[in-house]
């Protein structure tokens, strides 16, 4: 039984498993980013996961490599320090793109979602596809990333245009496959054509 806020024991098995998981994910995102011409972003993707604030938590809360240690930390503490660190340093997360509203329509929620630049939406897309592949392993299908998005979208603080663009590209993946999606992202979306 775990007490809220209690850290978990770090073992060599957890260290090796977590390093393998985050490195495989990073390499897959890099490969996908390269396919659409996002070379710098592919190289820089998720480097903060190797910083102590994220890495040590990952070692502590690593499970089986099929779910995020951040969620385990959240279950134990009620929030995730590692996630707060991560989302504040990685522009491919929509959570990075929020700011205070000068004239909030609803004073109860003074934050507003900011529209993401397309290059970060494209990296977020590659991140979601890769995460689905990493977590679902052999059972992954091209339908998984859209299903995951649809399950969570009700609580996303994401700009409506960003959400529309992401969902549209996930639908291309879902209906037409990865090759068609990557061609669309590289030859149409990242060139700024209207959606």
N, C-alpha and C. Protein backbone atom coordinates (compact mmCIF):
# COMPACT_ATOMS: atom_id res chain seq x y z
N UNK A 1 0.85 -1.19 0.00
CA UNK A 1 0.00 0.00 0.00
C UNK A 1 0.88 1.24 0.00
N UNK A 2 0.45 2.24 -0.76
CA UNK A 2 1.23 3.44 -0.91
C UNK A 2 0.58 4.59 -0.17
N UNK A 3 1.37 5.37 0.53
CA UNK A 3 0.88 6.56 1.22
C UNK A 3 1.05 7.73 0.27
N UNK A 4 0.04 8.62 0.20
CA UNK A 4 0.09 9.78 -0.69
C UNK A 4 1.38 10.56 -0.45
N UNK A 5 2.07 10.86 -1.52
CA UNK A 5 3.29 11.63 -1.45
C UNK A 5 4.55 10.79 -1.19
N UNK A 6 4.38 9.52 -0.87
CA UNK A 6 5.51 8.65 -0.59
C UNK A 6 6.22 8.30 -1.88
N UNK A 7 7.54 8.37 -1.87
CA UNK A 7 8.29 8.00 -3.06
C UNK A 7 8.40 6.48 -3.13
N UNK A 8 8.59 6.00 -4.32
CA UNK A 8 8.70 4.57 -4.56
C UNK A 8 10.17 4.17 -4.60
N UNK A 9 10.43 2.92 -4.30
CA UNK A 9 11.79 2.39 -4.33
C UNK A 9 12.31 2.37 -5.78
N UNK A 10 13.56 2.79 -5.95
CA UNK A 10 14.21 2.74 -7.25
C UNK A 10 15.04 1.45 -7.31
N UNK A 11 14.80 0.65 -8.35
CA UNK A 11 15.56 -0.58 -8.55
C UNK A 11 16.23 -0.52 -9.92
N UNK A 12 17.23 -1.39 -10.12
CA UNK A 12 17.89 -1.43 -11.42
C UNK A 12 16.91 -1.82 -12.52
N UNK A 13 15.97 -2.68 -12.21
CA UNK A 13 14.97 -3.09 -13.19
C UNK A 13 14.14 -1.88 -13.64
N UNK A 14 13.74 -1.04 -12.70
CA UNK A 14 12.98 0.16 -13.04
C UNK A 14 13.84 1.15 -13.84
N UNK A 15 15.08 1.32 -13.43
CA UNK A 15 15.99 2.25 -14.14
C UNK A 15 16.14 1.81 -15.59
N UNK A 16 16.46 0.52 -15.80
CA UNK A 16 16.63 0.01 -17.17
C UNK A 16 15.33 0.11 -17.96
N UNK A 17 14.22 -0.25 -17.35
CA UNK A 17 12.93 -0.20 -18.04
C UNK A 17 12.54 1.20 -18.44
N UNK A 18 12.69 2.14 -17.51
CA UNK A 18 12.31 3.52 -17.82
C UNK A 18 13.22 4.12 -18.89
N UNK A 19 14.53 3.91 -18.76
CA UNK A 19 15.45 4.43 -19.78
C UNK A 19 15.14 3.85 -21.15
N UNK A 20 14.84 2.55 -21.20
CA UNK A 20 14.49 1.91 -22.46
C UNK A 20 13.21 2.53 -23.04
N UNK A 21 12.19 2.71 -22.19
CA UNK A 21 10.91 3.25 -22.65
C UNK A 21 11.05 4.67 -23.19
N UNK A 22 11.70 5.55 -22.44
CA UNK A 22 11.77 6.94 -22.90
C UNK A 22 12.69 7.08 -24.11
N UNK A 23 13.73 6.26 -24.19
CA UNK A 23 14.64 6.34 -25.33
C UNK A 23 13.99 5.77 -26.58
N UNK A 24 13.27 4.65 -26.46
CA UNK A 24 12.55 4.11 -27.62
C UNK A 24 11.52 5.12 -28.11
N UNK A 25 10.81 5.76 -27.17
CA UNK A 25 9.81 6.76 -27.55
C UNK A 25 10.49 7.93 -28.26
N UNK A 26 11.55 8.45 -27.69
CA UNK A 26 12.25 9.59 -28.29
C UNK A 26 12.73 9.25 -29.70
N UNK A 27 13.30 8.07 -29.87
CA UNK A 27 13.82 7.67 -31.18
C UNK A 27 12.69 7.52 -32.21
N UNK A 28 11.54 7.01 -31.79
CA UNK A 28 10.41 6.87 -32.70
C UNK A 28 9.84 8.24 -33.09
N UNK A 29 9.72 9.14 -32.13
CA UNK A 29 9.27 10.50 -32.46
C UNK A 29 10.26 11.16 -33.41
N UNK A 30 11.54 10.99 -33.15
CA UNK A 30 12.57 11.57 -34.01
C UNK A 30 12.42 11.04 -35.44
N UNK A 31 12.26 9.75 -35.57
CA UNK A 31 12.09 9.13 -36.89
C UNK A 31 10.87 9.72 -37.61
N UNK A 32 9.76 9.84 -36.90
CA UNK A 32 8.54 10.39 -37.51
C UNK A 32 8.71 11.87 -37.84
N UNK A 33 9.33 12.63 -36.96
CA UNK A 33 9.57 14.05 -37.24
C UNK A 33 10.45 14.23 -38.47
N UNK A 34 11.49 13.41 -38.58
CA UNK A 34 12.37 13.48 -39.75
C UNK A 34 11.58 13.23 -41.03
N UNK A 35 10.63 12.31 -40.99
CA UNK A 35 9.84 11.98 -42.19
C UNK A 35 9.02 13.16 -42.69
N UNK A 36 8.69 14.10 -41.79
CA UNK A 36 7.90 15.26 -42.23
C UNK A 36 8.74 16.53 -42.29
N UNK A 37 10.07 16.40 -42.09
CA UNK A 37 10.97 17.54 -42.23
C UNK A 37 11.22 18.34 -40.96
N UNK A 38 10.82 17.82 -39.80
CA UNK A 38 11.05 18.52 -38.53
C UNK A 38 12.33 17.98 -37.88
N UNK A 39 13.46 18.30 -38.46
CA UNK A 39 14.72 17.71 -38.02
C UNK A 39 15.15 18.20 -36.64
N UNK A 40 15.15 19.51 -36.42
CA UNK A 40 15.58 20.04 -35.13
C UNK A 40 14.66 19.54 -34.01
N UNK A 41 13.35 19.58 -34.25
CA UNK A 41 12.41 19.12 -33.24
C UNK A 41 12.56 17.63 -32.98
N UNK A 42 12.84 16.87 -34.01
CA UNK A 42 13.06 15.45 -33.83
C UNK A 42 14.26 15.18 -32.93
N UNK A 43 15.33 15.94 -33.14
CA UNK A 43 16.52 15.77 -32.31
C UNK A 43 16.30 16.23 -30.88
N UNK A 44 15.56 17.32 -30.69
CA UNK A 44 15.40 17.93 -29.37
C UNK A 44 14.23 17.35 -28.58
N UNK A 45 13.40 16.55 -29.21
CA UNK A 45 12.16 16.08 -28.59
C UNK A 45 12.42 15.42 -27.23
N UNK A 46 11.69 15.88 -26.22
CA UNK A 46 11.65 15.28 -24.88
C UNK A 46 13.00 15.16 -24.18
N UNK A 47 13.94 16.01 -24.49
CA UNK A 47 15.23 15.94 -23.79
C UNK A 47 15.06 16.18 -22.29
N UNK A 48 14.02 16.91 -21.90
CA UNK A 48 13.82 17.18 -20.48
C UNK A 48 13.55 15.89 -19.69
N UNK A 49 13.14 14.82 -20.37
CA UNK A 49 12.91 13.55 -19.66
C UNK A 49 14.19 12.97 -19.07
N UNK A 50 15.33 13.47 -19.55
CA UNK A 50 16.61 13.01 -19.04
C UNK A 50 17.17 13.94 -17.94
N UNK A 51 16.41 14.96 -17.58
CA UNK A 51 16.81 15.86 -16.50
C UNK A 51 16.38 15.23 -15.17
N UNK A 52 17.13 15.47 -14.09
CA UNK A 52 16.81 14.83 -12.81
C UNK A 52 15.37 15.00 -12.35
N UNK A 53 14.76 16.16 -12.56
CA UNK A 53 13.39 16.40 -12.09
C UNK A 53 12.40 15.42 -12.69
N UNK A 54 12.66 14.96 -13.90
CA UNK A 54 11.77 14.00 -14.55
C UNK A 54 12.31 12.58 -14.47
N UNK A 55 13.61 12.44 -14.63
CA UNK A 55 14.21 11.11 -14.70
C UNK A 55 14.08 10.35 -13.38
N UNK A 56 14.37 10.99 -12.28
CA UNK A 56 14.31 10.31 -10.99
C UNK A 56 12.89 9.88 -10.65
N UNK A 57 11.90 10.73 -10.97
CA UNK A 57 10.51 10.35 -10.76
C UNK A 57 10.15 9.16 -11.64
N UNK A 58 10.63 9.18 -12.89
CA UNK A 58 10.38 8.06 -13.79
C UNK A 58 10.94 6.76 -13.25
N UNK A 59 12.13 6.82 -12.68
CA UNK A 59 12.71 5.63 -12.07
C UNK A 59 11.86 5.15 -10.90
N UNK A 60 11.39 6.09 -10.09
CA UNK A 60 10.60 5.74 -8.90
C UNK A 60 9.27 5.09 -9.25
N UNK A 61 8.58 5.65 -10.23
CA UNK A 61 7.21 5.24 -10.52
C UNK A 61 7.07 4.36 -11.75
N UNK A 62 8.17 3.94 -12.35
CA UNK A 62 8.09 3.08 -13.53
C UNK A 62 7.36 1.78 -13.19
N UNK A 63 6.49 1.36 -14.11
CA UNK A 63 5.74 0.11 -13.90
C UNK A 63 6.15 -0.93 -14.91
N UNK A 64 5.36 -1.04 -15.97
CA UNK A 64 5.59 -2.07 -16.97
C UNK A 64 5.92 -1.51 -18.35
N UNK A 65 6.04 -0.20 -18.46
CA UNK A 65 6.33 0.41 -19.75
C UNK A 65 5.11 0.59 -20.62
N UNK A 66 3.92 0.27 -20.09
CA UNK A 66 2.69 0.40 -20.86
C UNK A 66 1.83 1.56 -20.38
N UNK A 67 2.33 2.29 -19.38
CA UNK A 67 1.63 3.47 -18.90
C UNK A 67 2.65 4.46 -18.37
N UNK A 68 2.25 5.70 -18.28
CA UNK A 68 3.16 6.77 -17.88
C UNK A 68 3.43 6.76 -16.38
N UNK A 69 4.72 6.84 -16.00
CA UNK A 69 5.03 7.00 -14.57
C UNK A 69 4.40 8.27 -13.99
N UNK A 70 4.17 9.27 -14.84
CA UNK A 70 3.53 10.51 -14.36
C UNK A 70 2.15 10.21 -13.76
N UNK A 71 1.42 9.29 -14.36
CA UNK A 71 0.10 8.94 -13.83
C UNK A 71 0.23 8.23 -12.48
N UNK A 72 1.26 7.42 -12.34
CA UNK A 72 1.48 6.75 -11.06
C UNK A 72 1.85 7.77 -9.98
N UNK A 73 2.68 8.74 -10.36
CA UNK A 73 3.01 9.81 -9.40
C UNK A 73 1.75 10.59 -9.02
N UNK A 74 0.91 10.85 -10.01
CA UNK A 74 -0.36 11.56 -9.79
C UNK A 74 -1.26 10.78 -8.83
N UNK A 75 -1.33 9.47 -9.03
CA UNK A 75 -2.15 8.63 -8.14
C UNK A 75 -1.62 8.68 -6.70
N UNK A 76 -0.32 8.71 -6.56
CA UNK A 76 0.29 8.70 -5.24
C UNK A 76 0.24 10.05 -4.53
N UNK A 77 0.43 11.14 -5.29
CA UNK A 77 0.55 12.46 -4.68
C UNK A 77 -0.63 13.38 -4.96
N UNK A 78 -1.43 13.04 -5.96
CA UNK A 78 -2.52 13.92 -6.37
C UNK A 78 -2.13 14.88 -7.48
N UNK A 79 -0.88 14.88 -7.85
CA UNK A 79 -0.36 15.70 -8.95
C UNK A 79 0.99 15.11 -9.35
N UNK A 80 1.54 15.61 -10.44
CA UNK A 80 2.83 15.10 -10.90
C UNK A 80 3.82 16.25 -11.06
N UNK A 81 4.83 16.28 -10.19
CA UNK A 81 5.91 17.26 -10.32
C UNK A 81 6.63 17.09 -11.66
N UNK A 82 6.85 15.85 -12.05
CA UNK A 82 7.57 15.58 -13.30
C UNK A 82 6.80 16.13 -14.50
N UNK A 83 5.47 15.96 -14.50
CA UNK A 83 4.66 16.48 -15.60
C UNK A 83 4.69 18.00 -15.65
N UNK A 84 4.62 18.63 -14.48
CA UNK A 84 4.67 20.10 -14.44
C UNK A 84 5.99 20.59 -15.03
N UNK A 85 7.07 19.90 -14.69
CA UNK A 85 8.38 20.24 -15.25
C UNK A 85 8.38 20.02 -16.76
N UNK A 86 7.85 18.89 -17.18
CA UNK A 86 7.88 18.52 -18.60
C UNK A 86 7.06 19.46 -19.48
N UNK A 87 5.82 19.71 -19.10
CA UNK A 87 4.94 20.52 -19.95
C UNK A 87 5.40 21.97 -20.05
N UNK A 88 6.14 22.42 -19.05
CA UNK A 88 6.64 23.79 -19.09
C UNK A 88 7.87 23.98 -19.95
N UNK A 89 8.43 22.91 -20.45
CA UNK A 89 9.66 22.97 -21.25
C UNK A 89 9.51 22.41 -22.65
N UNK A 90 8.37 21.87 -22.97
CA UNK A 90 8.18 21.18 -24.24
C UNK A 90 6.97 21.75 -24.98
N UNK A 91 7.26 22.52 -26.02
CA UNK A 91 6.21 23.25 -26.73
C UNK A 91 5.28 22.37 -27.55
N UNK A 92 5.58 21.09 -27.67
CA UNK A 92 4.69 20.20 -28.41
C UNK A 92 3.52 19.72 -27.54
N UNK A 93 3.45 20.16 -26.31
CA UNK A 93 2.31 19.84 -25.44
C UNK A 93 1.35 21.03 -25.41
N UNK A 94 0.08 20.77 -25.66
CA UNK A 94 -0.88 21.87 -25.68
C UNK A 94 -0.97 22.56 -24.33
N UNK A 95 -0.64 21.85 -23.26
CA UNK A 95 -0.69 22.44 -21.92
C UNK A 95 0.32 23.57 -21.77
N UNK A 96 1.38 23.55 -22.55
CA UNK A 96 2.37 24.63 -22.56
C UNK A 96 1.71 25.93 -23.03
N UNK A 97 0.76 25.79 -23.95
CA UNK A 97 0.16 26.93 -24.64
C UNK A 97 -1.11 27.42 -23.92
N UNK A 98 -0.95 27.88 -22.72
CA UNK A 98 -2.05 28.51 -22.00
C UNK A 98 -1.51 29.77 -21.33
N UNK A 99 -2.38 30.74 -21.16
CA UNK A 99 -1.98 32.01 -20.58
C UNK A 99 -3.17 32.61 -19.86
N UNK A 100 -2.91 33.61 -19.03
CA UNK A 100 -4.01 34.32 -18.39
C UNK A 100 -4.75 35.14 -19.42
N UNK A 101 -6.06 35.18 -19.31
CA UNK A 101 -6.89 36.01 -20.17
C UNK A 101 -7.00 37.39 -19.53
N UNK A 102 -6.79 38.43 -20.32
CA UNK A 102 -6.92 39.78 -19.77
C UNK A 102 -8.36 40.10 -19.42
N UNK A 103 -9.29 39.61 -20.22
CA UNK A 103 -10.71 39.81 -19.96
C UNK A 103 -11.39 38.45 -20.05
N UNK A 104 -11.24 37.69 -19.00
CA UNK A 104 -11.81 36.35 -18.99
C UNK A 104 -13.33 36.42 -19.04
N UNK A 105 -13.91 35.67 -19.95
CA UNK A 105 -15.38 35.62 -20.07
C UNK A 105 -15.98 34.99 -18.82
N UNK A 106 -15.27 34.06 -18.24
CA UNK A 106 -15.73 33.39 -17.03
C UNK A 106 -14.64 33.55 -15.98
N UNK A 107 -14.86 34.46 -15.04
CA UNK A 107 -13.83 34.77 -14.04
C UNK A 107 -13.42 33.55 -13.23
N UNK A 108 -14.24 32.53 -13.24
CA UNK A 108 -13.94 31.30 -12.51
C UNK A 108 -12.70 30.61 -13.09
N UNK A 109 -12.49 30.73 -14.41
CA UNK A 109 -11.35 30.12 -15.09
C UNK A 109 -10.60 31.19 -15.86
N UNK A 110 -9.62 31.83 -15.25
CA UNK A 110 -8.94 32.94 -15.92
C UNK A 110 -7.91 32.52 -16.97
N UNK A 111 -7.66 31.22 -17.14
CA UNK A 111 -6.72 30.78 -18.16
C UNK A 111 -7.41 30.61 -19.50
N UNK A 112 -6.65 30.85 -20.55
CA UNK A 112 -7.17 30.63 -21.89
C UNK A 112 -6.16 29.81 -22.69
N UNK A 113 -6.67 29.02 -23.60
CA UNK A 113 -5.82 28.24 -24.49
C UNK A 113 -5.34 29.15 -25.61
N UNK A 114 -4.08 29.01 -25.99
CA UNK A 114 -3.47 29.79 -27.05
C UNK A 114 -3.26 28.86 -28.24
N UNK A 115 -3.52 29.38 -29.45
CA UNK A 115 -3.33 28.55 -30.64
C UNK A 115 -1.86 28.20 -30.81
N UNK A 116 -1.60 26.94 -31.08
CA UNK A 116 -0.23 26.46 -31.24
C UNK A 116 0.27 26.68 -32.66
N UNK A 117 1.54 27.04 -32.83
CA UNK A 117 2.12 27.08 -34.17
C UNK A 117 2.09 25.66 -34.77
N UNK A 118 1.96 25.60 -36.07
CA UNK A 118 1.80 24.31 -36.74
C UNK A 118 2.95 23.35 -36.53
N UNK A 119 4.17 23.87 -36.45
CA UNK A 119 5.30 22.94 -36.28
C UNK A 119 5.20 22.19 -34.96
N UNK A 120 4.61 22.83 -33.93
CA UNK A 120 4.45 22.14 -32.64
C UNK A 120 3.23 21.22 -32.64
N UNK A 121 2.21 21.60 -33.40
CA UNK A 121 1.06 20.69 -33.54
C UNK A 121 1.53 19.41 -34.25
N UNK A 122 2.36 19.58 -35.28
CA UNK A 122 2.87 18.41 -36.01
C UNK A 122 3.74 17.54 -35.09
N UNK A 123 4.56 18.16 -34.25
CA UNK A 123 5.36 17.37 -33.30
C UNK A 123 4.46 16.68 -32.28
N UNK A 124 3.40 17.37 -31.82
CA UNK A 124 2.46 16.76 -30.89
C UNK A 124 1.80 15.54 -31.54
N UNK A 125 1.47 15.65 -32.80
CA UNK A 125 0.89 14.54 -33.55
C UNK A 125 1.86 13.35 -33.56
N UNK A 126 3.13 13.60 -33.88
CA UNK A 126 4.12 12.53 -33.90
C UNK A 126 4.31 11.93 -32.51
N UNK A 127 4.24 12.77 -31.49
CA UNK A 127 4.36 12.32 -30.10
C UNK A 127 3.22 11.39 -29.74
N UNK A 128 2.01 11.74 -30.12
CA UNK A 128 0.82 10.93 -29.79
C UNK A 128 0.86 9.59 -30.53
N UNK A 129 1.25 9.62 -31.79
CA UNK A 129 1.35 8.38 -32.55
C UNK A 129 2.40 7.46 -31.90
N UNK A 130 3.54 8.04 -31.58
CA UNK A 130 4.63 7.26 -30.99
C UNK A 130 4.26 6.74 -29.61
N UNK A 131 3.59 7.54 -28.81
CA UNK A 131 3.16 7.09 -27.48
C UNK A 131 2.20 5.92 -27.60
N UNK A 132 1.27 6.01 -28.57
CA UNK A 132 0.34 4.90 -28.78
C UNK A 132 1.10 3.63 -29.18
N UNK A 133 2.10 3.78 -30.02
CA UNK A 133 2.90 2.63 -30.43
C UNK A 133 3.68 2.06 -29.25
N UNK A 134 4.27 2.95 -28.44
CA UNK A 134 5.06 2.50 -27.29
C UNK A 134 4.20 1.80 -26.25
N UNK A 135 3.05 2.37 -25.93
CA UNK A 135 2.22 1.81 -24.86
C UNK A 135 1.42 0.59 -25.33
N UNK A 136 0.97 0.56 -26.58
CA UNK A 136 0.16 -0.56 -27.06
C UNK A 136 0.99 -1.68 -27.66
N UNK A 137 2.26 -1.40 -27.92
CA UNK A 137 3.19 -2.40 -28.45
C UNK A 137 2.61 -3.14 -29.67
N UNK A 138 2.57 -4.47 -29.62
CA UNK A 138 2.14 -5.28 -30.77
C UNK A 138 0.66 -5.09 -31.12
N UNK A 139 -0.15 -4.62 -30.17
CA UNK A 139 -1.58 -4.46 -30.45
C UNK A 139 -1.91 -3.10 -31.07
N UNK A 140 -0.89 -2.25 -31.32
CA UNK A 140 -1.13 -0.92 -31.91
C UNK A 140 -1.81 -1.03 -33.27
N UNK A 141 -2.78 -0.15 -33.50
CA UNK A 141 -3.36 0.03 -34.83
C UNK A 141 -3.42 1.53 -35.12
N UNK A 142 -3.60 1.88 -36.36
CA UNK A 142 -3.66 3.30 -36.76
C UNK A 142 -4.89 4.00 -36.17
N UNK A 143 -5.78 3.28 -35.55
CA UNK A 143 -6.98 3.86 -34.95
C UNK A 143 -6.75 4.32 -33.51
N UNK A 144 -5.71 3.80 -32.88
CA UNK A 144 -5.46 4.08 -31.45
C UNK A 144 -5.26 5.56 -31.13
N UNK A 145 -4.44 6.33 -31.87
CA UNK A 145 -4.24 7.73 -31.49
C UNK A 145 -5.53 8.56 -31.51
N UNK A 146 -6.40 8.33 -32.50
CA UNK A 146 -7.67 9.07 -32.54
C UNK A 146 -8.57 8.65 -31.39
N UNK A 147 -8.63 7.37 -31.09
CA UNK A 147 -9.44 6.90 -29.95
C UNK A 147 -8.98 7.54 -28.65
N UNK A 148 -7.67 7.60 -28.45
CA UNK A 148 -7.12 8.21 -27.25
C UNK A 148 -7.49 9.70 -27.17
N UNK A 149 -7.36 10.38 -28.29
CA UNK A 149 -7.72 11.80 -28.35
C UNK A 149 -9.19 12.00 -28.01
N UNK A 150 -10.06 11.22 -28.62
CA UNK A 150 -11.51 11.37 -28.41
C UNK A 150 -11.89 11.09 -26.95
N UNK A 151 -11.23 10.13 -26.32
CA UNK A 151 -11.53 9.82 -24.91
C UNK A 151 -11.19 10.98 -23.99
N UNK A 152 -10.14 11.73 -24.30
CA UNK A 152 -9.68 12.76 -23.38
C UNK A 152 -10.07 14.18 -23.72
N UNK A 153 -10.60 14.42 -24.91
CA UNK A 153 -10.78 15.80 -25.37
C UNK A 153 -11.72 16.64 -24.51
N UNK A 154 -12.62 16.02 -23.77
CA UNK A 154 -13.58 16.80 -22.97
C UNK A 154 -12.91 17.60 -21.87
N UNK A 155 -11.73 17.20 -21.43
CA UNK A 155 -11.06 17.95 -20.37
C UNK A 155 -9.80 18.68 -20.85
N UNK A 156 -9.58 18.74 -22.17
CA UNK A 156 -8.42 19.45 -22.69
C UNK A 156 -8.66 20.95 -22.69
N UNK A 157 -7.68 21.71 -22.22
CA UNK A 157 -7.70 23.15 -22.39
C UNK A 157 -6.85 23.44 -23.62
N UNK A 158 -7.45 23.19 -24.78
CA UNK A 158 -6.75 23.30 -26.06
C UNK A 158 -7.50 24.30 -26.93
N UNK A 159 -6.76 25.15 -27.60
CA UNK A 159 -7.38 26.15 -28.49
C UNK A 159 -8.23 25.42 -29.53
N UNK A 160 -9.43 25.94 -29.84
CA UNK A 160 -10.32 25.25 -30.79
C UNK A 160 -9.67 24.97 -32.15
N UNK A 161 -8.86 25.90 -32.67
CA UNK A 161 -8.22 25.68 -33.97
C UNK A 161 -7.16 24.58 -33.87
N UNK A 162 -6.40 24.60 -32.79
CA UNK A 162 -5.40 23.54 -32.57
C UNK A 162 -6.09 22.19 -32.48
N UNK A 163 -7.19 22.14 -31.73
CA UNK A 163 -7.94 20.89 -31.58
C UNK A 163 -8.48 20.41 -32.93
N UNK A 164 -8.98 21.34 -33.71
CA UNK A 164 -9.52 20.99 -35.04
C UNK A 164 -8.42 20.42 -35.94
N UNK A 165 -7.25 21.06 -35.92
CA UNK A 165 -6.14 20.60 -36.76
C UNK A 165 -5.64 19.23 -36.32
N UNK A 166 -5.45 19.07 -35.02
CA UNK A 166 -4.98 17.78 -34.51
C UNK A 166 -5.97 16.67 -34.81
N UNK A 167 -7.23 16.92 -34.51
CA UNK A 167 -8.25 15.90 -34.76
C UNK A 167 -8.33 15.56 -36.25
N UNK A 168 -8.24 16.57 -37.09
CA UNK A 168 -8.29 16.32 -38.54
C UNK A 168 -7.16 15.42 -39.01
N UNK A 169 -5.96 15.66 -38.48
CA UNK A 169 -4.83 14.82 -38.89
C UNK A 169 -4.92 13.42 -38.29
N UNK A 170 -5.44 13.32 -37.08
CA UNK A 170 -5.65 11.98 -36.50
C UNK A 170 -6.70 11.20 -37.29
N UNK A 171 -7.67 11.91 -37.85
CA UNK A 171 -8.67 11.24 -38.70
C UNK A 171 -8.06 10.76 -40.01
N UNK A 172 -7.11 11.53 -40.56
CA UNK A 172 -6.41 11.06 -41.76
C UNK A 172 -5.68 9.76 -41.44
N UNK A 173 -4.98 9.74 -40.31
CA UNK A 173 -4.29 8.52 -39.89
C UNK A 173 -5.28 7.37 -39.73
N UNK A 174 -6.36 7.63 -39.05
CA UNK A 174 -7.37 6.62 -38.76
C UNK A 174 -7.97 6.03 -40.04
N UNK A 175 -8.26 6.89 -41.00
CA UNK A 175 -8.97 6.46 -42.21
C UNK A 175 -8.06 6.07 -43.37
N UNK A 176 -6.87 6.70 -43.46
CA UNK A 176 -6.03 6.49 -44.64
C UNK A 176 -4.65 5.92 -44.36
N UNK A 177 -4.23 5.94 -43.09
CA UNK A 177 -2.95 5.36 -42.73
C UNK A 177 -1.82 6.36 -42.60
N UNK A 178 -0.71 5.84 -42.12
CA UNK A 178 0.45 6.66 -41.78
C UNK A 178 1.11 7.31 -42.99
N UNK A 179 1.27 6.58 -44.06
CA UNK A 179 1.93 7.15 -45.25
C UNK A 179 1.18 8.37 -45.76
N UNK A 180 -0.13 8.25 -45.85
CA UNK A 180 -0.95 9.37 -46.32
C UNK A 180 -0.89 10.54 -45.34
N UNK A 181 -0.91 10.25 -44.05
CA UNK A 181 -0.83 11.31 -43.05
C UNK A 181 0.51 12.05 -43.15
N UNK A 182 1.61 11.32 -43.18
CA UNK A 182 2.92 11.98 -43.22
C UNK A 182 3.09 12.81 -44.49
N UNK A 183 2.56 12.32 -45.60
CA UNK A 183 2.61 13.10 -46.85
C UNK A 183 1.83 14.40 -46.67
N UNK A 184 0.63 14.32 -46.08
CA UNK A 184 -0.20 15.50 -45.85
C UNK A 184 0.51 16.51 -44.95
N UNK A 185 1.09 16.03 -43.86
CA UNK A 185 1.76 16.92 -42.91
C UNK A 185 2.93 17.64 -43.59
N UNK A 186 3.76 16.90 -44.32
CA UNK A 186 4.95 17.46 -44.94
C UNK A 186 4.63 18.39 -46.12
N UNK A 187 3.74 17.94 -46.98
CA UNK A 187 3.51 18.66 -48.24
C UNK A 187 2.37 19.68 -48.17
N UNK A 188 1.57 19.64 -47.13
CA UNK A 188 0.42 20.54 -47.07
C UNK A 188 0.40 21.31 -45.76
N UNK A 189 0.28 20.62 -44.64
CA UNK A 189 0.09 21.25 -43.35
C UNK A 189 1.24 22.16 -42.95
N UNK A 190 2.46 21.64 -43.01
CA UNK A 190 3.61 22.44 -42.59
C UNK A 190 3.98 23.54 -43.59
N UNK A 191 3.40 23.51 -44.75
CA UNK A 191 3.62 24.59 -45.72
C UNK A 191 2.61 25.72 -45.54
N UNK A 192 1.71 25.55 -44.57
CA UNK A 192 0.81 26.65 -44.22
C UNK A 192 -0.49 26.74 -45.00
N UNK A 193 -0.79 25.74 -45.80
CA UNK A 193 -2.05 25.79 -46.54
C UNK A 193 -3.23 25.77 -45.58
N UNK A 194 -4.33 26.42 -45.94
CA UNK A 194 -5.49 26.46 -45.04
C UNK A 194 -6.11 25.10 -44.83
N UNK A 195 -6.69 24.94 -43.67
CA UNK A 195 -7.36 23.66 -43.35
C UNK A 195 -8.84 23.88 -43.39
